[in-house]
């Protein structure tokens, strides 16, 4: 039960972190190309990463395991850490966040 809970928590944390980092890099790069100045400075990006890492890891580390985890099949050893569904979620969230950020920055 604990192993499945840890695996799920790592997957959720990884999905969250990849989404935040993809959005930050695209915003910094695109903003620098369009306006010749990055909308996010290096210190701001480090601060966002520090805050997001801390709160996300605390939230996922304190998530207790449930009995429903025992009803699921165990994960195989060859199962990729980033699944196709997770990749779709990352891209969907990133597109949504980028749309919102670019709307606020450039409109």
PDB file of N, CA and C in Angstrom:
ATOM      1  N   UNK A   1       0.834  -1.186   0.000  1.00  0.00           N
ATOM      2  CA  UNK A   1       0.000   0.000   0.000  1.00  0.00           C
ATOM      3  C   UNK A   1       0.882   1.255   0.000  1.00  0.00           C
ATOM      4  N   UNK A   2       1.935   1.277   0.822  1.00  0.00           N
ATOM      5  CA  UNK A   2       2.778   2.464   0.901  1.00  0.00           C
ATOM      6  C   UNK A   2       3.563   2.668  -0.388  1.00  0.00           C
ATOM      7  N   UNK A   3       4.004   1.576  -1.000  1.00  0.00           N
ATOM      8  CA  UNK A   3       4.763   1.709  -2.242  1.00  0.00           C
ATOM      9  C   UNK A   3       3.936   2.334  -3.357  1.00  0.00           C
ATOM     10  N   UNK A   4       2.679   1.923  -3.478  1.00  0.00           N
ATOM     11  CA  UNK A   4       1.800   2.502  -4.498  1.00  0.00           C
ATOM     12  C   UNK A   4       1.509   3.967  -4.193  1.00  0.00           C
ATOM     13  N   UNK A   5       1.378   4.276  -2.911  1.00  0.00           N
ATOM     14  CA  UNK A   5       1.121   5.665  -2.521  1.00  0.00           C
ATOM     15  C   UNK A   5       2.337   6.546  -2.835  1.00  0.00           C
ATOM     16  N   UNK A   6       3.524   6.050  -2.562  1.00  0.00           N
ATOM     17  CA  UNK A   6       4.739   6.806  -2.860  1.00  0.00           C
ATOM     18  C   UNK A   6       4.883   6.993  -4.366  1.00  0.00           C
ATOM     19  N   UNK A   7       4.620   5.944  -5.125  1.00  0.00           N
ATOM     20  CA  UNK A   7       4.712   6.035  -6.586  1.00  0.00           C
ATOM     21  C   UNK A   7       3.721   7.076  -7.122  1.00  0.00           C
ATOM     22  N   UNK A   8       2.477   7.053  -6.616  1.00  0.00           N
ATOM     23  CA  UNK A   8       1.476   8.026  -7.046  1.00  0.00           C
ATOM     24  C   UNK A   8       1.886   9.448  -6.676  1.00  0.00           C
ATOM     25  N   UNK A   9       2.432   9.618  -5.485  1.00  0.00           N
ATOM     26  CA  UNK A   9       2.869  10.948  -5.051  1.00  0.00           C
ATOM     27  C   UNK A   9       4.014  11.468  -5.907  1.00  0.00           C
ATOM     28  N   UNK A  10       4.958  10.598  -6.233  1.00  0.00           N
ATOM     29  CA  UNK A  10       6.069  11.009  -7.098  1.00  0.00           C
ATOM     30  C   UNK A  10       5.547  11.374  -8.485  1.00  0.00           C
ATOM     31  N   UNK A  11       4.597  10.613  -9.000  1.00  0.00           N
ATOM     32  CA  UNK A  11       4.023  10.918 -10.316  1.00  0.00           C
ATOM     33  C   UNK A  11       3.322  12.272 -10.314  1.00  0.00           C
ATOM     34  N   UNK A  12       2.542  12.527  -9.281  1.00  0.00           N
ATOM     35  CA  UNK A  12       1.830  13.814  -9.189  1.00  0.00           C
ATOM     36  C   UNK A  12       2.810  14.970  -9.071  1.00  0.00           C
ATOM     37  N   UNK A  13       3.835  14.794  -8.239  1.00  0.00           N
ATOM     38  CA  UNK A  13       4.837  15.846  -8.067  1.00  0.00           C
ATOM     39  C   UNK A  13       5.575  16.098  -9.373  1.00  0.00           C
ATOM     40  N   UNK A  14       5.942  15.043 -10.068  1.00  0.00           N
ATOM     41  CA  UNK A  14       6.648  15.173 -11.336  1.00  0.00           C
ATOM     42  C   UNK A  14       5.786  15.879 -12.378  1.00  0.00           C
ATOM     43  N   UNK A  15       4.510  15.525 -12.436  1.00  0.00           N
ATOM     44  CA  UNK A  15       3.610  16.180 -13.381  1.00  0.00           C
ATOM     45  C   UNK A  15       3.494  17.668 -13.070  1.00  0.00           C
ATOM     46  N   UNK A  16       3.356  18.004 -11.811  1.00  0.00           N
ATOM     47  CA  UNK A  16       3.246  19.402 -11.413  1.00  0.00           C
ATOM     48  C   UNK A  16       4.517  20.172 -11.749  1.00  0.00           C
ATOM     49  N   UNK A  17       5.666  19.608 -11.394  1.00  0.00           N
ATOM     50  CA  UNK A  17       6.932  20.289 -11.628  1.00  0.00           C
ATOM     51  C   UNK A  17       7.224  20.469 -13.116  1.00  0.00           C
ATOM     52  N   UNK A  18       6.959  19.449 -13.902  1.00  0.00           N
ATOM     53  CA  UNK A  18       7.198  19.571 -15.341  1.00  0.00           C
ATOM     54  C   UNK A  18       6.304  20.640 -15.953  1.00  0.00           C
ATOM     55  N   UNK A  19       5.056  20.711 -15.509  1.00  0.00           N
ATOM     56  CA  UNK A  19       4.155  21.737 -16.025  1.00  0.00           C
ATOM     57  C   UNK A  19       4.665  23.129 -15.685  1.00  0.00           C
ATOM     58  N   UNK A  20       5.018  23.349 -14.437  1.00  0.00           N
ATOM     59  CA  UNK A  20       5.496  24.666 -14.000  1.00  0.00           C
ATOM     60  C   UNK A  20       6.777  25.047 -14.735  1.00  0.00           C
ATOM     61  N   UNK A  21       7.705  24.120 -14.856  1.00  0.00           N
ATOM     62  CA  UNK A  21       8.980  24.432 -15.498  1.00  0.00           C
ATOM     63  C   UNK A  21       8.847  24.647 -16.997  1.00  0.00           C
ATOM     64  N   UNK A  22       8.010  23.856 -17.656  1.00  0.00           N
ATOM     65  CA  UNK A  22       7.790  24.056 -19.100  1.00  0.00           C
ATOM     66  C   UNK A  22       7.203  25.434 -19.353  1.00  0.00           C
ATOM     67  N   UNK A  23       6.225  25.814 -18.560  1.00  0.00           N
ATOM     68  CA  UNK A  23       5.592  27.129 -18.728  1.00  0.00           C
ATOM     69  C   UNK A  23       6.600  28.246 -18.462  1.00  0.00           C
ATOM     70  N   UNK A  24       7.390  28.129 -17.405  1.00  0.00           N
ATOM     71  CA  UNK A  24       8.361  29.172 -17.070  1.00  0.00           C
ATOM     72  C   UNK A  24       9.407  29.337 -18.164  1.00  0.00           C
ATOM     73  N   UNK A  25       9.901  28.239 -18.699  1.00  0.00           N
ATOM     74  CA  UNK A  25      10.924  28.318 -19.752  1.00  0.00           C
ATOM     75  C   UNK A  25      10.342  28.912 -21.028  1.00  0.00           C
ATOM     76  N   UNK A  26       9.144  28.497 -21.402  1.00  0.00           N
ATOM     77  CA  UNK A  26       8.538  29.026 -22.631  1.00  0.00           C
ATOM     78  C   UNK A  26       8.223  30.504 -22.480  1.00  0.00           C
ATOM     79  N   UNK A  27       7.718  30.913 -21.329  1.00  0.00           N
ATOM     80  CA  UNK A  27       7.421  32.330 -21.107  1.00  0.00           C
ATOM     81  C   UNK A  27       8.706  33.154 -21.150  1.00  0.00           C
ATOM     82  N   UNK A  28       9.753  32.699 -20.493  1.00  0.00           N
ATOM     83  CA  UNK A  28      11.017  33.437 -20.484  1.00  0.00           C
ATOM     84  C   UNK A  28      11.616  33.525 -21.885  1.00  0.00           C
ATOM     85  N   UNK A  29      11.624  32.415 -22.605  1.00  0.00           N
ATOM     86  CA  UNK A  29      12.223  32.408 -23.941  1.00  0.00           C
ATOM     87  C   UNK A  29      11.412  33.247 -24.927  1.00  0.00           C
ATOM     88  N   UNK A  30      10.096  33.048 -24.951  1.00  0.00           N
ATOM     89  CA  UNK A  30       9.242  33.785 -25.881  1.00  0.00           C
ATOM     90  C   UNK A  30       9.236  35.268 -25.556  1.00  0.00           C
ATOM     91  N   UNK A  31       9.152  35.587 -24.274  1.00  0.00           N
ATOM     92  CA  UNK A  31       9.181  36.994 -23.878  1.00  0.00           C
ATOM     93  C   UNK A  31      10.481  37.661 -24.251  1.00  0.00           C
ATOM     94  N   UNK A  32      11.597  36.949 -24.096  1.00  0.00           N
ATOM     95  CA  UNK A  32      12.896  37.506 -24.459  1.00  0.00           C
ATOM     96  C   UNK A  32      13.012  37.703 -25.972  1.00  0.00           C
ATOM     97  N   UNK A  33      12.426  36.801 -26.744  1.00  0.00           N
ATOM     98  CA  UNK A  33      12.474  36.930 -28.206  1.00  0.00           C
ATOM     99  C   UNK A  33      11.588  38.065 -28.707  1.00  0.00           C
ATOM    100  N   UNK A  34      10.435  38.235 -28.090  1.00  0.00           N
ATOM    101  CA  UNK A  34       9.483  39.241 -28.574  1.00  0.00           C
ATOM    102  C   UNK A  34       9.820  40.641 -28.069  1.00  0.00           C
ATOM    103  N   UNK A  35      10.105  40.760 -26.790  1.00  0.00           N
ATOM    104  CA  UNK A  35      10.290  42.100 -26.199  1.00  0.00           C
ATOM    105  C   UNK A  35      11.746  42.441 -25.918  1.00  0.00           C
ATOM    106  N   UNK A  36      12.677  41.572 -26.256  1.00  0.00           N
ATOM    107  CA  UNK A  36      14.101  41.755 -25.992  1.00  0.00           C
ATOM    108  C   UNK A  36      14.428  41.844 -24.498  1.00  0.00           C
ATOM    109  N   UNK A  37      13.460  41.492 -23.643  1.00  0.00           N
ATOM    110  CA  UNK A  37      13.671  41.452 -22.204  1.00  0.00           C
ATOM    111  C   UNK A  37      12.776  40.356 -21.639  1.00  0.00           C
ATOM    112  N   UNK A  38      13.324  39.538 -20.807  1.00  0.00           N
ATOM    113  CA  UNK A  38      12.551  38.420 -20.265  1.00  0.00           C
ATOM    114  C   UNK A  38      11.545  38.909 -19.236  1.00  0.00           C
ATOM    115  N   UNK A  39      10.288  38.456 -19.338  1.00  0.00           N
ATOM    116  CA  UNK A  39       9.296  38.849 -18.336  1.00  0.00           C
ATOM    117  C   UNK A  39       9.603  38.258 -16.960  1.00  0.00           C
ATOM    118  N   UNK A  40      10.328  37.156 -16.925  1.00  0.00           N
ATOM    119  CA  UNK A  40      10.724  36.538 -15.662  1.00  0.00           C
ATOM    120  C   UNK A  40      12.240  36.606 -15.538  1.00  0.00           C
ATOM    121  N   UNK A  41      12.699  37.288 -14.525  1.00  0.00           N
ATOM    122  CA  UNK A  41      14.138  37.350 -14.270  1.00  0.00           C
ATOM    123  C   UNK A  41      14.589  36.032 -13.636  1.00  0.00           C
ATOM    124  N   UNK A  42      15.877  35.792 -13.613  1.00  0.00           N
ATOM    125  CA  UNK A  42      16.418  34.544 -13.082  1.00  0.00           C
ATOM    126  C   UNK A  42      16.059  34.358 -11.609  1.00  0.00           C
ATOM    127  N   UNK A  43      16.122  35.433 -10.844  1.00  0.00           N
ATOM    128  CA  UNK A  43      15.800  35.350  -9.419  1.00  0.00           C
ATOM    129  C   UNK A  43      14.320  35.007  -9.229  1.00  0.00           C
ATOM    130  N   UNK A  44      13.460  35.567 -10.062  1.00  0.00           N
ATOM    131  CA  UNK A  44      12.029  35.265  -9.973  1.00  0.00           C
ATOM    132  C   UNK A  44      11.764  33.798 -10.301  1.00  0.00           C
ATOM    133  N   UNK A  45      12.449  33.278 -11.313  1.00  0.00           N
ATOM    134  CA  UNK A  45      12.262  31.869 -11.664  1.00  0.00           C
ATOM    135  C   UNK A  45      12.749  30.951 -10.550  1.00  0.00           C
ATOM    136  N   UNK A  46      13.869  31.299  -9.925  1.00  0.00           N
ATOM    137  CA  UNK A  46      14.354  30.506  -8.799  1.00  0.00           C
ATOM    138  C   UNK A  46      13.398  30.573  -7.613  1.00  0.00           C
ATOM    139  N   UNK A  47      12.834  31.745  -7.366  1.00  0.00           N
ATOM    140  CA  UNK A  47      11.891  31.908  -6.266  1.00  0.00           C
ATOM    141  C   UNK A  47      10.627  31.088  -6.519  1.00  0.00           C
ATOM    142  N   UNK A  48      10.113  31.139  -7.741  1.00  0.00           N
ATOM    143  CA  UNK A  48       8.924  30.357  -8.088  1.00  0.00           C
ATOM    144  C   UNK A  48       9.211  28.866  -7.907  1.00  0.00           C
ATOM    145  N   UNK A  49      10.369  28.419  -8.375  1.00  0.00           N
ATOM    146  CA  UNK A  49      10.726  27.010  -8.216  1.00  0.00           C
ATOM    147  C   UNK A  49      10.853  26.611  -6.750  1.00  0.00           C
ATOM    148  N   UNK A  50      11.451  27.467  -5.947  1.00  0.00           N
ATOM    149  CA  UNK A  50      11.615  27.163  -4.531  1.00  0.00           C
ATOM    150  C   UNK A  50      10.261  27.047  -3.833  1.00  0.00           C
ATOM    151  N   UNK A  51       9.389  28.009  -4.061  1.00  0.00           N
ATOM    152  CA  UNK A  51       8.072  28.001  -3.424  1.00  0.00           C
ATOM    153  C   UNK A  51       7.249  26.816  -3.926  1.00  0.00           C
ATOM    154  N   UNK A  52       7.243  26.599  -5.229  1.00  0.00           N
ATOM    155  CA  UNK A  52       6.428  25.519  -5.791  1.00  0.00           C
ATOM    156  C   UNK A  52       6.953  24.156  -5.352  1.00  0.00           C
ATOM    157  N   UNK A  53       8.256  23.985  -5.291  1.00  0.00           N
ATOM    158  CA  UNK A  53       8.821  22.708  -4.827  1.00  0.00           C
ATOM    159  C   UNK A  53       8.411  22.427  -3.393  1.00  0.00           C
ATOM    160  N   UNK A  54       8.543  23.439  -2.553  1.00  0.00           N
ATOM    161  CA  UNK A  54       8.268  23.248  -1.132  1.00  0.00           C
ATOM    162  C   UNK A  54       6.816  22.896  -0.882  1.00  0.00           C
ATOM    163  N   UNK A  55       5.899  23.711  -1.403  1.00  0.00           N
ATOM    164  CA  UNK A  55       4.487  23.484  -1.127  1.00  0.00           C
ATOM    165  C   UNK A  55       3.962  22.216  -1.792  1.00  0.00           C
ATOM    166  N   UNK A  56       4.419  21.937  -2.998  1.00  0.00           N
ATOM    167  CA  UNK A  56       3.959  20.731  -3.681  1.00  0.00           C
ATOM    168  C   UNK A  56       4.461  19.478  -2.966  1.00  0.00           C
ATOM    169  N   UNK A  57       5.707  19.486  -2.562  1.00  0.00           N
ATOM    170  CA  UNK A  57       6.234  18.303  -1.881  1.00  0.00           C
ATOM    171  C   UNK A  57       5.576  18.104  -0.515  1.00  0.00           C
ATOM    172  N   UNK A  58       5.307  19.191   0.194  1.00  0.00           N
ATOM    173  CA  UNK A  58       4.607  19.066   1.479  1.00  0.00           C
ATOM    174  C   UNK A  58       3.195  18.531   1.290  1.00  0.00           C
ATOM    175  N   UNK A  59       2.509  19.022   0.290  1.00  0.00           N
ATOM    176  CA  UNK A  59       1.130  18.586   0.050  1.00  0.00           C
ATOM    177  C   UNK A  59       1.086  17.105  -0.324  1.00  0.00           C
ATOM    178  N   UNK A  60       1.996  16.674  -1.161  1.00  0.00           N
ATOM    179  CA  UNK A  60       1.968  15.283  -1.606  1.00  0.00           C
ATOM    180  C   UNK A  60       2.569  14.328  -0.586  1.00  0.00           C
ATOM    181  N   UNK A  61       3.486  14.808   0.231  1.00  0.00           N
ATOM    182  CA  UNK A  61       4.100  13.941   1.233  1.00  0.00           C
ATOM    183  C   UNK A  61       3.148  13.637   2.381  1.00  0.00           C
ATOM    184  N   UNK A  62       2.214  14.513   2.613  1.00  0.00           N
ATOM    185  CA  UNK A  62       1.282  14.313   3.725  1.00  0.00           C
ATOM    186  C   UNK A  62      -0.012  13.632   3.290  1.00  0.00           C
ATOM    187  N   UNK A  63      -0.083  13.219   2.038  1.00  0.00           N
ATOM    188  CA  UNK A  63      -1.274  12.525   1.547  1.00  0.00           C
ATOM    189  C   UNK A  63      -1.258  11.077   2.046  1.00  0.00           C
ATOM    190  N   UNK A  64      -2.234  10.709   2.868  1.00  0.00           N
ATOM    191  CA  UNK A  64      -2.212   9.349   3.434  1.00  0.00           C
ATOM    192  C   UNK A  64      -2.665   8.313   2.401  1.00  0.00           C
ATOM    193  N   UNK A  65      -2.173   7.087   2.528  1.00  0.00           N
ATOM    194  CA  UNK A  65      -2.627   6.027   1.619  1.00  0.00           C
ATOM    195  C   UNK A  65      -4.063   5.618   1.953  1.00  0.00           C
ATOM    196  N   UNK A  66      -4.764   5.147   0.941  1.00  0.00           N
ATOM    197  CA  UNK A  66      -6.147   4.712   1.130  1.00  0.00           C
ATOM    198  C   UNK A  66      -6.257   3.223   0.863  1.00  0.00           C
ATOM    199  N   UNK A  67      -7.345   2.658   1.283  1.00  0.00           N
ATOM    200  CA  UNK A  67      -7.576   1.225   1.060  1.00  0.00           C
ATOM    201  C   UNK A  67      -7.805   0.921  -0.422  1.00  0.00           C
ATOM    202  N   UNK A  68      -8.249   1.926  -1.180  1.00  0.00           N
ATOM    203  CA  UNK A  68      -8.487   1.725  -2.611  1.00  0.00           C
ATOM    204  C   UNK A  68      -7.199   1.393  -3.361  1.00  0.00           C
ATOM    205  N   UNK A  69      -6.056   1.790  -2.809  1.00  0.00           N
ATOM    206  CA  UNK A  69      -4.782   1.465  -3.453  1.00  0.00           C
ATOM    207  C   UNK A  69      -4.545  -0.042  -3.523  1.00  0.00           C
ATOM    208  N   UNK A  70      -5.078  -0.766  -2.555  1.00  0.00           N
ATOM    209  CA  UNK A  70      -4.884  -2.215  -2.538  1.00  0.00           C
ATOM    210  C   UNK A  70      -5.721  -2.924  -3.590  1.00  0.00           C
ATOM    211  N   UNK A  71      -6.763  -2.264  -4.065  1.00  0.00           N
ATOM    212  CA  UNK A  71      -7.630  -2.876  -5.073  1.00  0.00           C
ATOM    213  C   UNK A  71      -7.054  -2.759  -6.476  1.00  0.00           C
ATOM    214  N   UNK A  72      -6.085  -1.870  -6.649  1.00  0.00           N
ATOM    215  CA  UNK A  72      -5.442  -1.698  -7.950  1.00  0.00           C
ATOM    216  C   UNK A  72      -4.358  -2.725  -8.168  1.00  0.00           C
ATOM    217  N   UNK A  73      -4.109  -3.005  -9.432  1.00  0.00           N
ATOM    218  CA  UNK A  73      -2.992  -3.887  -9.765  1.00  0.00           C
ATOM    219  C   UNK A  73      -1.685  -3.158  -9.456  1.00  0.00           C
ATOM    220  N   UNK A  74      -0.653  -3.903  -9.077  1.00  0.00           N
ATOM    221  CA  UNK A  74       0.647  -3.251  -8.861  1.00  0.00           C
ATOM    222  C   UNK A  74       1.239  -2.783 -10.193  1.00  0.00           C
ATOM    223  N   UNK A  75       2.070  -1.771 -10.108  1.00  0.00           N
ATOM    224  CA  UNK A  75       2.735  -1.269 -11.302  1.00  0.00           C
ATOM    225  C   UNK A  75       3.869  -2.201 -11.677  1.00  0.00           C
ATOM    226  N   UNK A  76       4.084  -2.366 -12.962  1.00  0.00           N
ATOM    227  CA  UNK A  76       5.184  -3.199 -13.414  1.00  0.00           C
ATOM    228  C   UNK A  76       6.512  -2.479 -13.300  1.00  0.00           C
ATOM    229  N   UNK A  77       7.585  -3.239 -13.346  1.00  0.00           N
ATOM    230  CA  UNK A  77       8.919  -2.634 -13.247  1.00  0.00           C
ATOM    231  C   UNK A  77       9.265  -1.813 -14.476  1.00  0.00           C
ATOM    232  N   UNK A  78       8.678  -2.149 -15.605  1.00  0.00           N
ATOM    233  CA  UNK A  78       8.999  -1.461 -16.850  1.00  0.00           C
ATOM    234  C   UNK A  78       8.031  -0.332 -17.176  1.00  0.00           C
ATOM    235  N   UNK A  79       7.111  -0.029 -16.282  1.00  0.00           N
ATOM    236  CA  UNK A  79       6.146   1.041 -16.530  1.00  0.00           C
ATOM    237  C   UNK A  79       6.878   2.380 -16.515  1.00  0.00           C
ATOM    238  N   UNK A  80       6.688   3.200 -17.548  1.00  0.00           N
ATOM    239  CA  UNK A  80       7.377   4.501 -17.574  1.00  0.00           C
ATOM    240  C   UNK A  80       6.831   5.427 -16.485  1.00  0.00           C
ATOM    241  N   UNK A  81       7.704   6.277 -15.969  1.00  0.00           N
ATOM    242  CA  UNK A  81       7.299   7.201 -14.915  1.00  0.00           C
ATOM    243  C   UNK A  81       6.363   8.276 -15.458  1.00  0.00           C
ATOM    244  N   UNK A  82       6.580   8.672 -16.707  1.00  0.00           N
ATOM    245  CA  UNK A  82       5.695   9.649 -17.349  1.00  0.00           C
ATOM    246  C   UNK A  82       4.868   8.891 -18.385  1.00  0.00           C
ATOM    247  N   UNK A  83       3.605   8.685 -18.064  1.00  0.00           N
ATOM    248  CA  UNK A  83       2.725   7.934 -18.961  1.00  0.00           C
ATOM    249  C   UNK A  83       2.168   8.853 -20.050  1.00  0.00           C
ATOM    250  N   UNK A  84       1.497   8.262 -21.005  1.00  0.00           N
ATOM    251  CA  UNK A  84       0.886   9.018 -22.093  1.00  0.00           C
ATOM    252  C   UNK A  84      -0.180   9.965 -21.542  1.00  0.00           C
ATOM    253  N   UNK A  85      -0.967   9.499 -20.586  1.00  0.00           N
ATOM    254  CA  UNK A  85      -2.001  10.341 -19.978  1.00  0.00           C
ATOM    255  C   UNK A  85      -1.375  11.511 -19.232  1.00  0.00           C
ATOM    256  N   UNK A  86      -0.287  11.249 -18.519  1.00  0.00           N
ATOM    257  CA  UNK A  86       0.388  12.316 -17.799  1.00  0.00           C
ATOM    258  C   UNK A  86       0.945  13.358 -18.767  1.00  0.00           C
ATOM    259  N   UNK A  87       1.492  12.900 -19.875  1.00  0.00           N
ATOM    260  CA  UNK A  87       2.030  13.831 -20.872  1.00  0.00           C
ATOM    261  C   UNK A  87       0.916  14.704 -21.450  1.00  0.00           C
ATOM    262  N   UNK A  88      -0.248  14.106 -21.702  1.00  0.00           N
ATOM    263  CA  UNK A  88      -1.387  14.884 -22.188  1.00  0.00           C
ATOM    264  C   UNK A  88      -1.822  15.915 -21.161  1.00  0.00           C
ATOM    265  N   UNK A  89      -1.833  15.529 -19.888  1.00  0.00           N
ATOM    266  CA  UNK A  89      -2.188  16.471 -18.822  1.00  0.00           C
ATOM    267  C   UNK A  89      -1.186  17.616 -18.723  1.00  0.00           C
ATOM    268  N   UNK A  90       0.097  17.293 -18.819  1.00  0.00           N
ATOM    269  CA  UNK A  90       1.137  18.317 -18.754  1.00  0.00           C
ATOM    270  C   UNK A  90       0.971  19.304 -19.903  1.00  0.00           C
ATOM    271  N   UNK A  91       0.794  18.786 -21.108  1.00  0.00           N
ATOM    272  CA  UNK A  91       0.641  19.665 -22.272  1.00  0.00           C
ATOM    273  C   UNK A  91      -0.642  20.488 -22.190  1.00  0.00           C
ATOM    274  N   UNK A  92      -1.729  19.877 -21.739  1.00  0.00           N
ATOM    275  CA  UNK A  92      -2.987  20.608 -21.613  1.00  0.00           C
ATOM    276  C   UNK A  92      -2.897  21.732 -20.601  1.00  0.00           C
ATOM    277  N   UNK A  93      -2.330  21.445 -19.437  1.00  0.00           N
ATOM    278  CA  UNK A  93      -2.173  22.480 -18.410  1.00  0.00           C
ATOM    279  C   UNK A  93      -1.206  23.569 -18.874  1.00  0.00           C
ATOM    280  N   UNK A  94      -0.135  23.175 -19.549  1.00  0.00           N
ATOM    281  CA  UNK A  94       0.837  24.150 -20.027  1.00  0.00           C
ATOM    282  C   UNK A  94       0.220  25.076 -21.059  1.00  0.00           C
ATOM    283  N   UNK A  95      -0.556  24.529 -21.988  1.00  0.00           N
ATOM    284  CA  UNK A  95      -1.209  25.365 -22.998  1.00  0.00           C
ATOM    285  C   UNK A  95      -2.185  26.341 -22.332  1.00  0.00           C
ATOM    286  N   UNK A  96      -2.955  25.858 -21.377  1.00  0.00           N
ATOM    287  CA  UNK A  96      -3.895  26.726 -20.666  1.00  0.00           C
ATOM    288  C   UNK A  96      -3.156  27.851 -19.932  1.00  0.00           C
ATOM    289  N   UNK A  97      -2.102  27.514 -19.203  1.00  0.00           N
ATOM    290  CA  UNK A  97      -1.358  28.520 -18.455  1.00  0.00           C
ATOM    291  C   UNK A  97      -0.650  29.498 -19.381  1.00  0.00           C
ATOM    292  N   UNK A  98      -0.087  28.995 -20.475  1.00  0.00           N
ATOM    293  CA  UNK A  98       0.584  29.878 -21.423  1.00  0.00           C
ATOM    294  C   UNK A  98      -0.406  30.841 -22.077  1.00  0.00           C
ATOM    295  N   UNK A  99      -1.576  30.347 -22.410  1.00  0.00           N
ATOM    296  CA  UNK A  99      -2.599  31.214 -22.997  1.00  0.00           C
ATOM    297  C   UNK A  99      -2.959  32.333 -22.026  1.00  0.00           C
ATOM    298  N   UNK A 100      -3.164  31.986 -20.794  1.00  0.00           N
ATOM    299  CA  UNK A 100      -3.521  32.975 -19.785  1.00  0.00           C
ATOM    300  C   UNK A 100      -2.378  33.961 -19.545  1.00  0.00           C
ATOM    301  N   UNK A 101      -1.162  33.485 -19.426  1.00  0.00           N
ATOM    302  CA  UNK A 101      -0.014  34.364 -19.158  1.00  0.00           C
ATOM    303  C   UNK A 101       0.253  35.288 -20.335  1.00  0.00           C
ATOM    304  N   UNK A 102       0.232  34.746 -21.559  1.00  0.00           N
ATOM    305  CA  UNK A 102       0.479  35.594 -22.724  1.00  0.00           C
ATOM    306  C   UNK A 102      -0.637  36.613 -22.925  1.00  0.00           C
ATOM    307  N   UNK A 103      -1.849  36.242 -22.582  1.00  0.00           N
ATOM    308  CA  UNK A 103      -2.951  37.205 -22.651  1.00  0.00           C
ATOM    309  C   UNK A 103      -2.711  38.350 -21.677  1.00  0.00           C
ATOM    310  N   UNK A 104      -2.284  38.035 -20.477  1.00  0.00           N
ATOM    311  CA  UNK A 104      -2.018  39.073 -19.482  1.00  0.00           C
ATOM    312  C   UNK A 104      -0.795  39.913 -19.844  1.00  0.00           C
ATOM    313  N   UNK A 105       0.211  39.305 -20.452  1.00  0.00           N
ATOM    314  CA  UNK A 105       1.435  40.033 -20.775  1.00  0.00           C
ATOM    315  C   UNK A 105       1.314  40.915 -22.014  1.00  0.00           C
ATOM    316  N   UNK A 106       0.673  40.418 -23.037  1.00  0.00           N
ATOM    317  CA  UNK A 106       0.738  41.091 -24.333  1.00  0.00           C
ATOM    318  C   UNK A 106      -0.568  41.724 -24.798  1.00  0.00           C
ATOM    319  N   UNK A 107      -1.634  41.566 -24.061  1.00  0.00           N
ATOM    320  CA  UNK A 107      -2.902  42.178 -24.500  1.00  0.00           C
ATOM    321  C   UNK A 107      -3.241  43.337 -23.609  1.00  0.00           C
TER     322      UNK A 107
END
